[in-house]
């Protein structure tokens, strides 16, 4: 069951209704604060060559397999787990902000789960399937604001459909997308999307994708009422954790560095007003 269904009578439900109703009036002065504050371009048009529904179905299947495996190993946190409850509370504040970045996300069945592992890792699959590993919470000693920045970043990858674009690029390079995928029949890339599930956890995004997810995630978290300055402290912790050989697997696909931290720091003032409004 979508975890949000369990909280549909919470105070955040009314806030979600307000945000969604206001989204259609973005052209008015009153709705100006609902417009994006970070500067990101349009998502890659290549993503449209990969059927979203098939990719999301594949992601759902792979996510279910992962949870089943964790359950069989006694590593899947129960709903009563305090850390899982904490993550779901964070998600309940971020998910209502998602639709302005991707209209289709209104129909996603969002899930949040926690897997017992020393890995410093977290992800959000296409369709809103989120998982955190206990290692990222315990080893980095994340506070709620920092955990929200990670969740926002991973949600942004799904909302901006980076996986769809990467699949299209990787399958189309050098073949002119198989001559327009048989004159836009899209069958071949549809098959790829349906069979890509096992690769979603190790898919490497481009530097541009990572920047995109950093900034969109920063805004998502700020709109949810989480301190945007935590994005800076988070990546400072990541940089420290990644020192030397054998650093966390998360950093193999999410490299830290001074440029990343400086970019986030430069964008904190752009979303500070959103954070203050959410907290007010």
Protein backbone atom coordinates (compact mmCIF):
# COMPACT_ATOMS: atom_id res chain seq x y z
CA UNK A 1 0.00 0.00 0.00
CA UNK A 2 1.18 3.51 -0.74
CA UNK A 3 2.41 4.89 2.58
CA UNK A 4 0.70 8.22 1.88
CA UNK A 5 -2.66 6.53 2.02
CA UNK A 6 -2.03 5.86 5.72
CA UNK A 7 -1.57 9.59 6.33
CA UNK A 8 -4.30 10.96 4.09
CA UNK A 9 -6.13 12.52 7.03
CA UNK A 10 -3.05 14.31 8.32
CA UNK A 11 -2.59 18.06 8.38
CA UNK A 12 -0.42 17.75 5.29
CA UNK A 13 -3.36 16.60 3.22
CA UNK A 14 -4.92 20.05 3.33
CA UNK A 15 -1.58 21.61 2.47
CA UNK A 16 -1.23 19.28 -0.51
CA UNK A 17 -4.68 20.25 -1.76
CA UNK A 18 -3.74 23.92 -1.51
CA UNK A 19 -0.51 23.44 -3.45
CA UNK A 20 -2.09 21.38 -6.20
CA UNK A 21 -5.01 23.78 -6.60
CA UNK A 22 -2.63 26.72 -6.76
CA UNK A 23 -0.37 25.17 -9.39
CA UNK A 24 -2.75 26.05 -12.19
CA UNK A 25 -2.57 29.76 -11.42
CA UNK A 26 1.20 30.15 -11.61
CA UNK A 27 0.88 33.10 -13.98
CA UNK A 28 -0.66 35.28 -11.29
CA UNK A 29 1.27 37.33 -8.77
CA UNK A 30 -0.30 35.40 -5.91
CA UNK A 31 1.04 32.11 -7.25
CA UNK A 32 4.56 33.41 -7.87
CA UNK A 33 6.05 31.63 -4.83
CA UNK A 34 4.92 28.30 -6.32
CA UNK A 35 7.15 28.78 -9.35
CA UNK A 36 10.54 27.12 -9.46
CA UNK A 37 13.21 29.15 -7.72
CA UNK A 38 16.23 27.12 -8.84
CA UNK A 39 17.51 27.49 -12.38
CA UNK A 40 17.23 24.18 -14.22
CA UNK A 41 16.34 23.64 -17.84
CA UNK A 42 13.73 21.39 -19.36
CA UNK A 43 14.20 17.63 -18.98
CA UNK A 44 15.90 15.86 -21.86
CA UNK A 45 13.54 15.26 -24.78
CA UNK A 46 15.24 11.90 -25.35
CA UNK A 47 13.29 10.53 -22.39
CA UNK A 48 10.17 10.55 -24.58
CA UNK A 49 11.65 7.72 -26.65
CA UNK A 50 11.30 5.34 -23.69
CA UNK A 51 7.73 4.54 -22.56
CA UNK A 52 7.31 5.87 -19.02
CA UNK A 53 4.68 3.31 -18.04
CA UNK A 54 6.84 0.34 -19.01
CA UNK A 55 9.86 1.69 -17.17
CA UNK A 56 7.80 2.41 -14.07
CA UNK A 57 6.28 -1.08 -14.19
CA UNK A 58 9.77 -2.58 -14.44
CA UNK A 59 10.90 -0.44 -11.52
CA UNK A 60 7.94 -1.56 -9.42
CA UNK A 61 8.76 -5.20 -10.10
CA UNK A 62 12.43 -4.74 -9.24
CA UNK A 63 11.54 -2.81 -6.09
CA UNK A 64 9.21 -5.61 -4.99
CA UNK A 65 11.98 -8.17 -5.55
CA UNK A 66 14.38 -6.07 -3.49
CA UNK A 67 11.91 -5.82 -0.62
CA UNK A 68 11.17 -9.54 -0.77
CA UNK A 69 14.88 -10.32 -0.60
CA UNK A 70 15.35 -7.94 2.32
CA UNK A 71 12.33 -9.48 4.07
CA UNK A 72 13.72 -13.00 3.65
CA UNK A 73 16.99 -11.86 5.21
CA UNK A 74 15.27 -10.12 8.09
CA UNK A 75 16.60 -6.78 6.85
CA UNK A 76 13.34 -5.03 5.95
CA UNK A 77 12.29 -2.60 8.63
CA UNK A 78 8.73 -3.06 9.93
CA UNK A 79 6.28 -0.16 9.90
CA UNK A 80 6.86 0.29 13.62
CA UNK A 81 10.56 1.04 13.13
CA UNK A 82 11.25 4.61 14.38
CA UNK A 83 13.72 5.37 11.61
CA UNK A 84 11.28 4.22 8.95
CA UNK A 85 8.52 6.28 10.53
CA UNK A 86 10.88 9.24 10.46
CA UNK A 87 11.58 8.76 6.74
CA UNK A 88 7.88 8.44 5.97
CA UNK A 89 7.16 11.66 7.84
CA UNK A 90 9.77 13.40 5.71
CA UNK A 91 8.29 11.93 2.52
CA UNK A 92 4.81 13.04 3.55
CA UNK A 93 6.08 16.62 3.40
CA UNK A 94 8.09 16.27 0.17
CA UNK A 95 5.73 14.25 -2.02
CA UNK A 96 3.04 16.99 -2.13
CA UNK A 97 5.65 19.25 -3.75
CA UNK A 98 6.42 16.79 -6.55
CA UNK A 99 3.66 17.41 -9.09
CA UNK A 100 4.95 20.78 -10.20
CA UNK A 101 8.05 19.00 -11.50
CA UNK A 102 6.20 16.09 -13.09
CA UNK A 103 2.43 15.99 -13.53
CA UNK A 104 2.47 12.22 -13.89
CA UNK A 105 3.73 11.89 -10.32
CA UNK A 106 0.22 12.68 -9.09
CA UNK A 107 -0.69 9.12 -10.04
CA UNK A 108 2.42 7.42 -8.70
CA UNK A 109 2.02 5.02 -5.79
CA UNK A 110 4.78 6.40 -3.62
CA UNK A 111 6.50 3.99 -1.23
CA UNK A 112 9.24 4.47 1.36
CA UNK A 113 11.10 1.56 2.93
CA UNK A 114 14.18 1.05 5.06
CA UNK A 115 16.65 -1.79 4.55
CA UNK A 116 19.11 -2.89 7.21
CA UNK A 117 22.57 -2.62 5.67
CA UNK A 118 25.86 -0.89 6.39
CA UNK A 119 25.78 0.57 2.88
CA UNK A 120 25.67 4.34 2.61
CA UNK A 121 22.97 4.38 -0.01
CA UNK A 122 19.47 5.53 -0.93
CA UNK A 123 17.45 5.72 -4.13
CA UNK A 124 14.12 6.58 -5.70
CA UNK A 125 13.12 4.43 -8.66
CA UNK A 126 10.85 5.66 -11.47
CA UNK A 127 7.30 5.75 -10.19
CA UNK A 128 8.23 6.93 -6.69
CA UNK A 129 9.75 3.81 -5.12
CA UNK A 130 12.07 5.06 -2.37
CA UNK A 131 14.46 3.06 -0.21
CA UNK A 132 17.08 4.08 2.34
CA UNK A 133 19.75 1.84 3.79
CA UNK A 134 20.32 2.12 7.53
CA UNK A 135 23.99 2.82 6.92
CA UNK A 136 23.38 6.22 5.38
CA UNK A 137 21.40 7.31 8.44
CA UNK A 138 23.68 5.88 11.11
CA UNK A 139 27.14 6.35 9.64
CA UNK A 140 26.54 9.93 8.53
CA UNK A 141 24.41 10.70 11.61
CA UNK A 142 21.87 12.55 9.49
CA UNK A 143 19.42 14.93 11.06
CA UNK A 144 15.96 15.31 9.53
CA UNK A 145 16.98 18.22 7.31
CA UNK A 146 19.93 16.29 5.85
CA UNK A 147 17.83 13.16 5.33
CA UNK A 148 15.27 15.32 3.51
CA UNK A 149 17.99 16.62 1.19
CA UNK A 150 18.94 13.08 0.22
CA UNK A 151 15.32 12.12 -0.28
CA UNK A 152 14.65 15.25 -2.32
CA UNK A 153 17.70 14.57 -4.49
CA UNK A 154 16.64 10.99 -5.20
CA UNK A 155 13.03 12.01 -5.84
CA UNK A 156 14.31 14.61 -8.29
CA UNK A 157 16.03 11.92 -10.37
CA UNK A 158 12.66 10.17 -10.72
CA UNK A 159 10.65 13.36 -11.27
CA UNK A 160 13.02 14.65 -13.93
CA UNK A 161 13.03 11.17 -15.50
CA UNK A 162 16.78 10.89 -15.72
CA UNK A 163 16.59 7.10 -16.01
CA UNK A 164 14.39 7.33 -19.12
CA UNK A 165 16.83 9.73 -20.75
CA UNK A 166 19.89 7.66 -19.84
CA UNK A 167 18.31 4.50 -21.25
CA UNK A 168 17.45 6.28 -24.48
CA UNK A 169 20.97 7.65 -24.79
CA UNK A 170 22.70 4.37 -24.01
CA UNK A 171 20.52 2.34 -26.37
CA UNK A 172 20.45 4.92 -29.14
CA UNK A 173 24.08 5.98 -29.36
CA UNK A 174 25.58 5.20 -32.74
CA UNK A 175 22.40 3.70 -34.19
CA UNK A 176 20.29 6.83 -34.68
CA UNK A 177 17.93 5.21 -32.19
CA UNK A 178 17.55 2.25 -34.53
CA UNK A 179 16.32 4.43 -37.38
CA UNK A 180 13.76 6.19 -35.27
CA UNK A 181 13.03 2.90 -33.49
CA UNK A 182 11.41 1.54 -36.60
CA UNK A 183 9.89 4.86 -37.58
CA UNK A 184 8.72 5.72 -34.06
CA UNK A 185 7.14 2.38 -33.33
CA UNK A 186 9.27 2.47 -30.17
CA UNK A 187 9.03 -1.29 -29.76
CA UNK A 188 12.74 -1.84 -29.22
CA UNK A 189 13.15 0.82 -26.56
CA UNK A 190 9.91 -0.30 -24.99
CA UNK A 191 11.42 -3.78 -24.61
CA UNK A 192 14.56 -2.23 -23.16
CA UNK A 193 12.51 -0.29 -20.61
CA UNK A 194 10.64 -3.43 -19.58
CA UNK A 195 13.88 -5.36 -19.04
CA UNK A 196 15.99 -2.62 -17.45
CA UNK A 197 14.77 -3.10 -13.88
CA UNK A 198 17.85 -4.95 -12.66
CA UNK A 199 20.07 -2.07 -13.80
CA UNK A 200 18.13 0.75 -12.17
CA UNK A 201 20.00 0.46 -8.88
CA UNK A 202 23.39 0.87 -10.56
CA UNK A 203 22.47 3.32 -13.30
CA UNK A 204 25.04 6.11 -13.47
CA UNK A 205 23.67 9.56 -14.11
CA UNK A 206 25.56 12.31 -15.87
CA UNK A 207 27.10 15.29 -14.13
CA UNK A 208 24.26 17.39 -15.53
CA UNK A 209 21.71 14.96 -14.08
CA UNK A 210 23.37 15.18 -10.68
CA UNK A 211 23.35 18.97 -10.72
CA UNK A 212 19.72 18.91 -11.80
CA UNK A 213 18.79 16.56 -8.95
CA UNK A 214 20.77 18.60 -6.43
CA UNK A 215 18.90 21.79 -7.23
CA UNK A 216 15.42 20.34 -7.70
CA UNK A 217 15.89 18.27 -4.54
CA UNK A 218 17.00 21.37 -2.67
CA UNK A 219 13.81 23.15 -3.65
CA UNK A 220 11.59 20.16 -2.90
CA UNK A 221 13.01 19.91 0.60
CA UNK A 222 12.77 23.66 1.22
CA UNK A 223 9.13 23.68 0.13
CA UNK A 224 8.56 20.82 2.56
CA UNK A 225 9.91 22.91 5.41
CA UNK A 226 13.46 21.55 5.65
CA UNK A 227 16.42 23.86 6.12
CA UNK A 228 18.18 24.24 2.76
CA UNK A 229 21.51 24.89 4.47
CA UNK A 230 21.45 21.18 5.34
CA UNK A 231 22.32 20.40 1.70
CA UNK A 232 25.75 21.90 2.34
CA UNK A 233 26.37 20.08 5.62
CA UNK A 234 25.14 16.84 4.00
CA UNK A 235 27.66 16.92 1.19
CA UNK A 236 30.42 17.96 3.55
CA UNK A 237 29.66 14.77 5.48
CA UNK A 238 29.61 12.82 2.22
CA UNK A 239 33.03 14.19 1.28
CA UNK A 240 34.45 13.13 4.64
CA UNK A 241 32.90 9.66 4.37
CA UNK A 242 34.29 9.22 0.87
CA UNK A 243 37.91 9.79 1.76
CA UNK A 244 40.31 7.06 0.73
CA UNK A 245 39.74 3.74 -1.00
CA UNK A 246 36.61 1.78 -0.31
CA UNK A 247 34.40 4.83 0.15
CA UNK A 248 30.62 4.48 0.21
CA UNK A 249 28.92 3.07 -2.89
CA UNK A 250 26.61 6.08 -2.91
CA UNK A 251 29.55 8.28 -3.81
CA UNK A 252 30.46 6.11 -6.79
CA UNK A 253 27.31 7.42 -8.47
CA UNK A 254 27.03 10.69 -6.51
CA UNK A 255 30.55 12.13 -6.36
CA UNK A 256 31.07 14.92 -3.87
CA UNK A 257 33.49 17.79 -4.20
CA UNK A 258 33.98 21.52 -3.67
CA UNK A 259 32.16 22.47 -6.89
CA UNK A 260 29.05 20.61 -5.83
CA UNK A 261 29.06 22.12 -2.37
CA UNK A 262 29.69 25.63 -3.71
CA UNK A 263 26.84 25.29 -6.21
CA UNK A 264 24.44 24.24 -3.49
CA UNK A 265 25.60 27.04 -1.23
CA UNK A 266 24.98 29.56 -4.01
CA UNK A 267 21.42 28.28 -4.44
CA UNK A 268 20.45 28.20 -0.77
CA UNK A 269 19.36 31.89 -0.78
CA UNK A 270 17.06 31.20 -3.76
CA UNK A 271 14.95 28.78 -1.73
CA UNK A 272 15.33 30.30 1.73
CA UNK A 273 12.03 32.15 1.36
CA UNK A 274 10.24 28.91 0.46
CA UNK A 275 11.62 27.29 3.58
CA UNK A 276 10.59 30.19 5.79
CA UNK A 277 7.11 30.22 4.25
CA UNK A 278 6.72 26.48 4.84
CA UNK A 279 7.85 26.86 8.43
CA UNK A 280 5.63 29.86 9.03
